[in-house]
Amino acid sequence: MEDTTRVKCLPITLKVIGLFFIFGVYPMMRLAWPPGYGWVPPYQQFQIIGLAIYATLGVCLIFAARNIATNIGLIWYTIWVNLICGTTMFVMELANRTGEVNWSLNIFVQYFIVGILWYLMPRHTKDLQ
């Protein structure tokens, strides 16, 4: 895919990922996490803070879609944060010998977001103009 085509696809992708962060993270935390895993009680402060952070990032990504050039740092932040979180979950999954924790869906989603954004990011700043 040419750089110009990727740059044209990036705003739509940012909006979709932003909407997922706003509306999809909570159901994924509630439905995809294994029973008994997560914070007890389920609405403890840390879970709410995590949801608030992802929702805020989602709103920021939707706004970033309006002007990619001025928000490139936020997009790279999104890539790196998901890469680090996904890798951390992957390592924890490998270290878990009991099989009690299964974060496969979470890991897949985070690596998918990393891959798609990394692929769509312009290779040169001149492509943003």
C-alpha atoms as a PDB file:
ATOM      1  CA  MET A   1       0.000   0.000   0.000  1.00  0.00           C
ATOM      2  CA  GLU A   2       1.331   3.444  -0.863  1.00  0.00           C
ATOM      3  CA  ASP A   3       2.059   5.974   1.869  1.00  0.00           C
ATOM      4  CA  THR A   4      -0.673   8.302   0.639  1.00  0.00           C
ATOM      5  CA  THR A   5      -3.255   5.515   0.819  1.00  0.00           C
ATOM      6  CA  ARG A   6      -2.123   4.550   4.314  1.00  0.00           C
ATOM      7  CA  VAL A   7      -2.368   8.158   5.475  1.00  0.00           C
ATOM      8  CA  LYS A   8      -5.920   8.349   4.087  1.00  0.00           C
ATOM      9  CA  CYS A   9      -6.891   5.186   6.008  1.00  0.00           C
ATOM     10  CA  LEU A  10      -5.338   6.349   9.278  1.00  0.00           C
ATOM     11  CA  PRO A  11      -8.086   8.807  10.387  1.00  0.00           C
ATOM     12  CA  ILE A  12     -10.806   6.179   9.953  1.00  0.00           C
ATOM     13  CA  THR A  13      -8.718   3.635  11.836  1.00  0.00           C
ATOM     14  CA  LEU A  14      -8.067   6.090  14.665  1.00  0.00           C
ATOM     15  CA  LYS A  15     -11.790   6.732  15.017  1.00  0.00           C
ATOM     16  CA  VAL A  16     -12.584   2.996  15.102  1.00  0.00           C
ATOM     17  CA  ILE A  17      -9.874   2.306  17.681  1.00  0.00           C
ATOM     18  CA  GLY A  18     -10.991   5.347  19.672  1.00  0.00           C
ATOM     19  CA  LEU A  19     -14.577   4.064  19.746  1.00  0.00           C
ATOM     20  CA  PHE A  20     -13.303   0.631  20.770  1.00  0.00           C
ATOM     21  CA  PHE A  21     -11.334   2.169  23.647  1.00  0.00           C
ATOM     22  CA  ILE A  22     -14.427   4.083  24.762  1.00  0.00           C
ATOM     23  CA  PHE A  23     -17.056   1.357  24.367  1.00  0.00           C
ATOM     24  CA  GLY A  24     -15.195  -1.949  23.919  1.00  0.00           C
ATOM     25  CA  VAL A  25     -12.650  -2.150  26.717  1.00  0.00           C
ATOM     26  CA  TYR A  26     -15.252  -2.489  29.482  1.00  0.00           C
ATOM     27  CA  PRO A  27     -17.072  -5.437  27.870  1.00  0.00           C
ATOM     28  CA  MET A  28     -13.712  -7.056  27.119  1.00  0.00           C
ATOM     29  CA  MET A  29     -12.702  -6.693  30.776  1.00  0.00           C
ATOM     30  CA  ARG A  30     -16.021  -8.119  31.953  1.00  0.00           C
ATOM     31  CA  LEU A  31     -16.501 -10.885  29.383  1.00  0.00           C
ATOM     32  CA  ALA A  32     -13.066 -11.944  28.160  1.00  0.00           C
ATOM     33  CA  TRP A  33     -11.213 -12.038  31.451  1.00  0.00           C
ATOM     34  CA  PRO A  34     -11.338 -15.429  33.144  1.00  0.00           C
ATOM     35  CA  PRO A  35     -13.792 -15.898  36.010  1.00  0.00           C
ATOM     36  CA  GLY A  36     -12.249 -14.919  39.296  1.00  0.00           C
ATOM     37  CA  TYR A  37      -9.523 -12.913  37.613  1.00  0.00           C
ATOM     38  CA  GLY A  38      -9.462  -9.192  37.934  1.00  0.00           C
ATOM     39  CA  TRP A  39     -10.042  -6.980  40.880  1.00  0.00           C
ATOM     40  CA  VAL A  40     -12.352  -7.992  43.677  1.00  0.00           C
ATOM     41  CA  PRO A  41     -14.804  -6.375  44.053  1.00  0.00           C
ATOM     42  CA  PRO A  42     -15.100  -5.949  40.292  1.00  0.00           C
ATOM     43  CA  TYR A  43     -15.570  -2.169  40.413  1.00  0.00           C
ATOM     44  CA  GLN A  44     -12.556  -1.389  42.531  1.00  0.00           C
ATOM     45  CA  GLN A  45     -10.685   1.874  41.965  1.00  0.00           C
ATOM     46  CA  PHE A  46      -7.926   0.413  39.774  1.00  0.00           C
ATOM     47  CA  GLN A  47     -10.360  -1.038  37.259  1.00  0.00           C
ATOM     48  CA  ILE A  48     -12.237   2.246  37.065  1.00  0.00           C
ATOM     49  CA  ILE A  49      -8.978   4.144  36.599  1.00  0.00           C
ATOM     50  CA  GLY A  50      -7.908   1.747  33.813  1.00  0.00           C
ATOM     51  CA  LEU A  51     -11.250   2.175  32.072  1.00  0.00           C
ATOM     52  CA  ALA A  52     -11.037   5.958  32.436  1.00  0.00           C
ATOM     53  CA  ILE A  53      -7.540   6.009  30.949  1.00  0.00           C
ATOM     54  CA  TYR A  54      -8.568   3.920  27.927  1.00  0.00           C
ATOM     55  CA  ALA A  55     -11.755   5.948  27.407  1.00  0.00           C
ATOM     56  CA  THR A  56      -9.756   9.185  27.579  1.00  0.00           C
ATOM     57  CA  LEU A  57      -7.218   7.808  25.106  1.00  0.00           C
ATOM     58  CA  GLY A  58     -10.135   6.836  22.851  1.00  0.00           C
ATOM     59  CA  VAL A  59     -11.537  10.366  22.884  1.00  0.00           C
ATOM     60  CA  CYS A  60      -8.055  11.756  22.175  1.00  0.00           C
ATOM     61  CA  LEU A  61      -7.607   9.375  19.228  1.00  0.00           C
ATOM     62  CA  ILE A  62     -10.923  10.489  17.752  1.00  0.00           C
ATOM     63  CA  PHE A  63      -9.779  14.119  17.995  1.00  0.00           C
ATOM     64  CA  ALA A  64      -6.320  13.156  16.669  1.00  0.00           C
ATOM     65  CA  ALA A  65      -7.955  11.805  13.520  1.00  0.00           C
ATOM     66  CA  ARG A  66      -8.762  15.396  12.535  1.00  0.00           C
ATOM     67  CA  ASN A  67      -5.104  16.366  12.232  1.00  0.00           C
ATOM     68  CA  ILE A  68      -2.615  13.510  12.095  1.00  0.00           C
ATOM     69  CA  ALA A  69       0.456  15.748  11.747  1.00  0.00           C
ATOM     70  CA  THR A  70      -0.057  17.575  15.038  1.00  0.00           C
ATOM     71  CA  ASN A  71      -1.019  14.416  16.935  1.00  0.00           C
ATOM     72  CA  ILE A  72       1.638  12.007  15.744  1.00  0.00           C
ATOM     73  CA  GLY A  73       3.114  11.731  19.253  1.00  0.00           C
ATOM     74  CA  LEU A  74      -0.225  10.565  20.653  1.00  0.00           C
ATOM     75  CA  ILE A  75      -0.532   7.941  17.940  1.00  0.00           C
ATOM     76  CA  TRP A  76       2.979   6.630  18.675  1.00  0.00           C
ATOM     77  CA  TYR A  77       2.121   6.631  22.382  1.00  0.00           C
ATOM     78  CA  THR A  78      -0.907   4.455  21.608  1.00  0.00           C
ATOM     79  CA  ILE A  79       1.279   2.064  19.624  1.00  0.00           C
ATOM     80  CA  TRP A  80       3.934   1.765  22.332  1.00  0.00           C
ATOM     81  CA  VAL A  81       1.510   1.496  25.257  1.00  0.00           C
ATOM     82  CA  ASN A  82      -0.371  -1.356  23.592  1.00  0.00           C
ATOM     83  CA  LEU A  83       2.874  -3.081  22.615  1.00  0.00           C
ATOM     84  CA  ILE A  84       4.147  -2.906  26.198  1.00  0.00           C
ATOM     85  CA  CYS A  85       0.833  -3.978  27.759  1.00  0.00           C
ATOM     86  CA  GLY A  86       0.390  -6.821  25.278  1.00  0.00           C
ATOM     87  CA  THR A  87       3.951  -8.026  25.794  1.00  0.00           C
ATOM     88  CA  THR A  88       3.584  -7.835  29.578  1.00  0.00           C
ATOM     89  CA  MET A  89       0.404  -9.918  29.396  1.00  0.00           C
ATOM     90  CA  PHE A  90       2.121 -12.375  27.040  1.00  0.00           C
ATOM     91  CA  VAL A  91       5.067 -12.851  29.419  1.00  0.00           C
ATOM     92  CA  MET A  92       2.707 -13.246  32.372  1.00  0.00           C
ATOM     93  CA  GLU A  93       0.708 -15.804  30.398  1.00  0.00           C
ATOM     94  CA  LEU A  94       3.887 -17.777  29.639  1.00  0.00           C
ATOM     95  CA  ALA A  95       4.933 -17.655  33.304  1.00  0.00           C
ATOM     96  CA  ASN A  96       1.505 -18.871  34.433  1.00  0.00           C
ATOM     97  CA  ARG A  97       1.880 -22.622  34.751  1.00  0.00           C
ATOM     98  CA  THR A  98      -1.526 -23.256  36.304  1.00  0.00           C
ATOM     99  CA  GLY A  99      -3.568 -22.235  33.277  1.00  0.00           C
ATOM    100  CA  GLU A 100      -5.802 -20.063  35.436  1.00  0.00           C
ATOM    101  CA  VAL A 101      -5.133 -16.887  33.485  1.00  0.00           C
ATOM    102  CA  ASN A 102      -6.003 -16.674  29.808  1.00  0.00           C
ATOM    103  CA  TRP A 103      -5.352 -13.310  28.256  1.00  0.00           C
ATOM    104  CA  SER A 104      -5.142 -14.555  24.683  1.00  0.00           C
ATOM    105  CA  LEU A 105      -7.935 -12.293  23.433  1.00  0.00           C
ATOM    106  CA  ASN A 106      -6.507  -9.230  25.185  1.00  0.00           C
ATOM    107  CA  ILE A 107      -3.027  -9.944  23.820  1.00  0.00           C
ATOM    108  CA  PHE A 108      -4.370 -10.465  20.306  1.00  0.00           C
ATOM    109  CA  VAL A 109      -6.381  -7.205  20.382  1.00  0.00           C
ATOM    110  CA  GLN A 110      -3.447  -5.176  21.672  1.00  0.00           C
ATOM    111  CA  TYR A 111      -1.021  -6.610  19.098  1.00  0.00           C
ATOM    112  CA  PHE A 112      -3.628  -6.091  16.375  1.00  0.00           C
ATOM    113  CA  ILE A 113      -3.926  -2.407  17.322  1.00  0.00           C
ATOM    114  CA  VAL A 114      -0.126  -2.093  17.344  1.00  0.00           C
ATOM    115  CA  GLY A 115       0.195  -3.775  13.959  1.00  0.00           C
ATOM    116  CA  ILE A 116      -2.503  -1.829  12.184  1.00  0.00           C
ATOM    117  CA  LEU A 117      -1.397   1.570  13.513  1.00  0.00           C
ATOM    118  CA  TRP A 118       2.278   0.838  12.884  1.00  0.00           C
ATOM    119  CA  TYR A 119       1.476  -0.184   9.325  1.00  0.00           C
ATOM    120  CA  LEU A 120      -0.659   2.897   8.643  1.00  0.00           C
ATOM    121  CA  MET A 121       1.728   5.431  10.172  1.00  0.00           C
ATOM    122  CA  PRO A 122       3.399   7.560   7.513  1.00  0.00           C
ATOM    123  CA  ARG A 123       7.059   6.791   6.895  1.00  0.00           C
ATOM    124  CA  HIS A 124       7.928  10.418   6.142  1.00  0.00           C
ATOM    125  CA  THR A 125       6.532  13.654   7.545  1.00  0.00           C
ATOM    126  CA  LYS A 126       6.103  14.998   4.000  1.00  0.00           C
ATOM    127  CA  ASP A 127       3.315  12.411   3.541  1.00  0.00           C
ATOM    128  CA  LEU A 128       1.257  14.269   6.146  1.00  0.00           C
ATOM    129  CA  GLN A 129       1.052  17.477   4.165  1.00  0.00           C
END
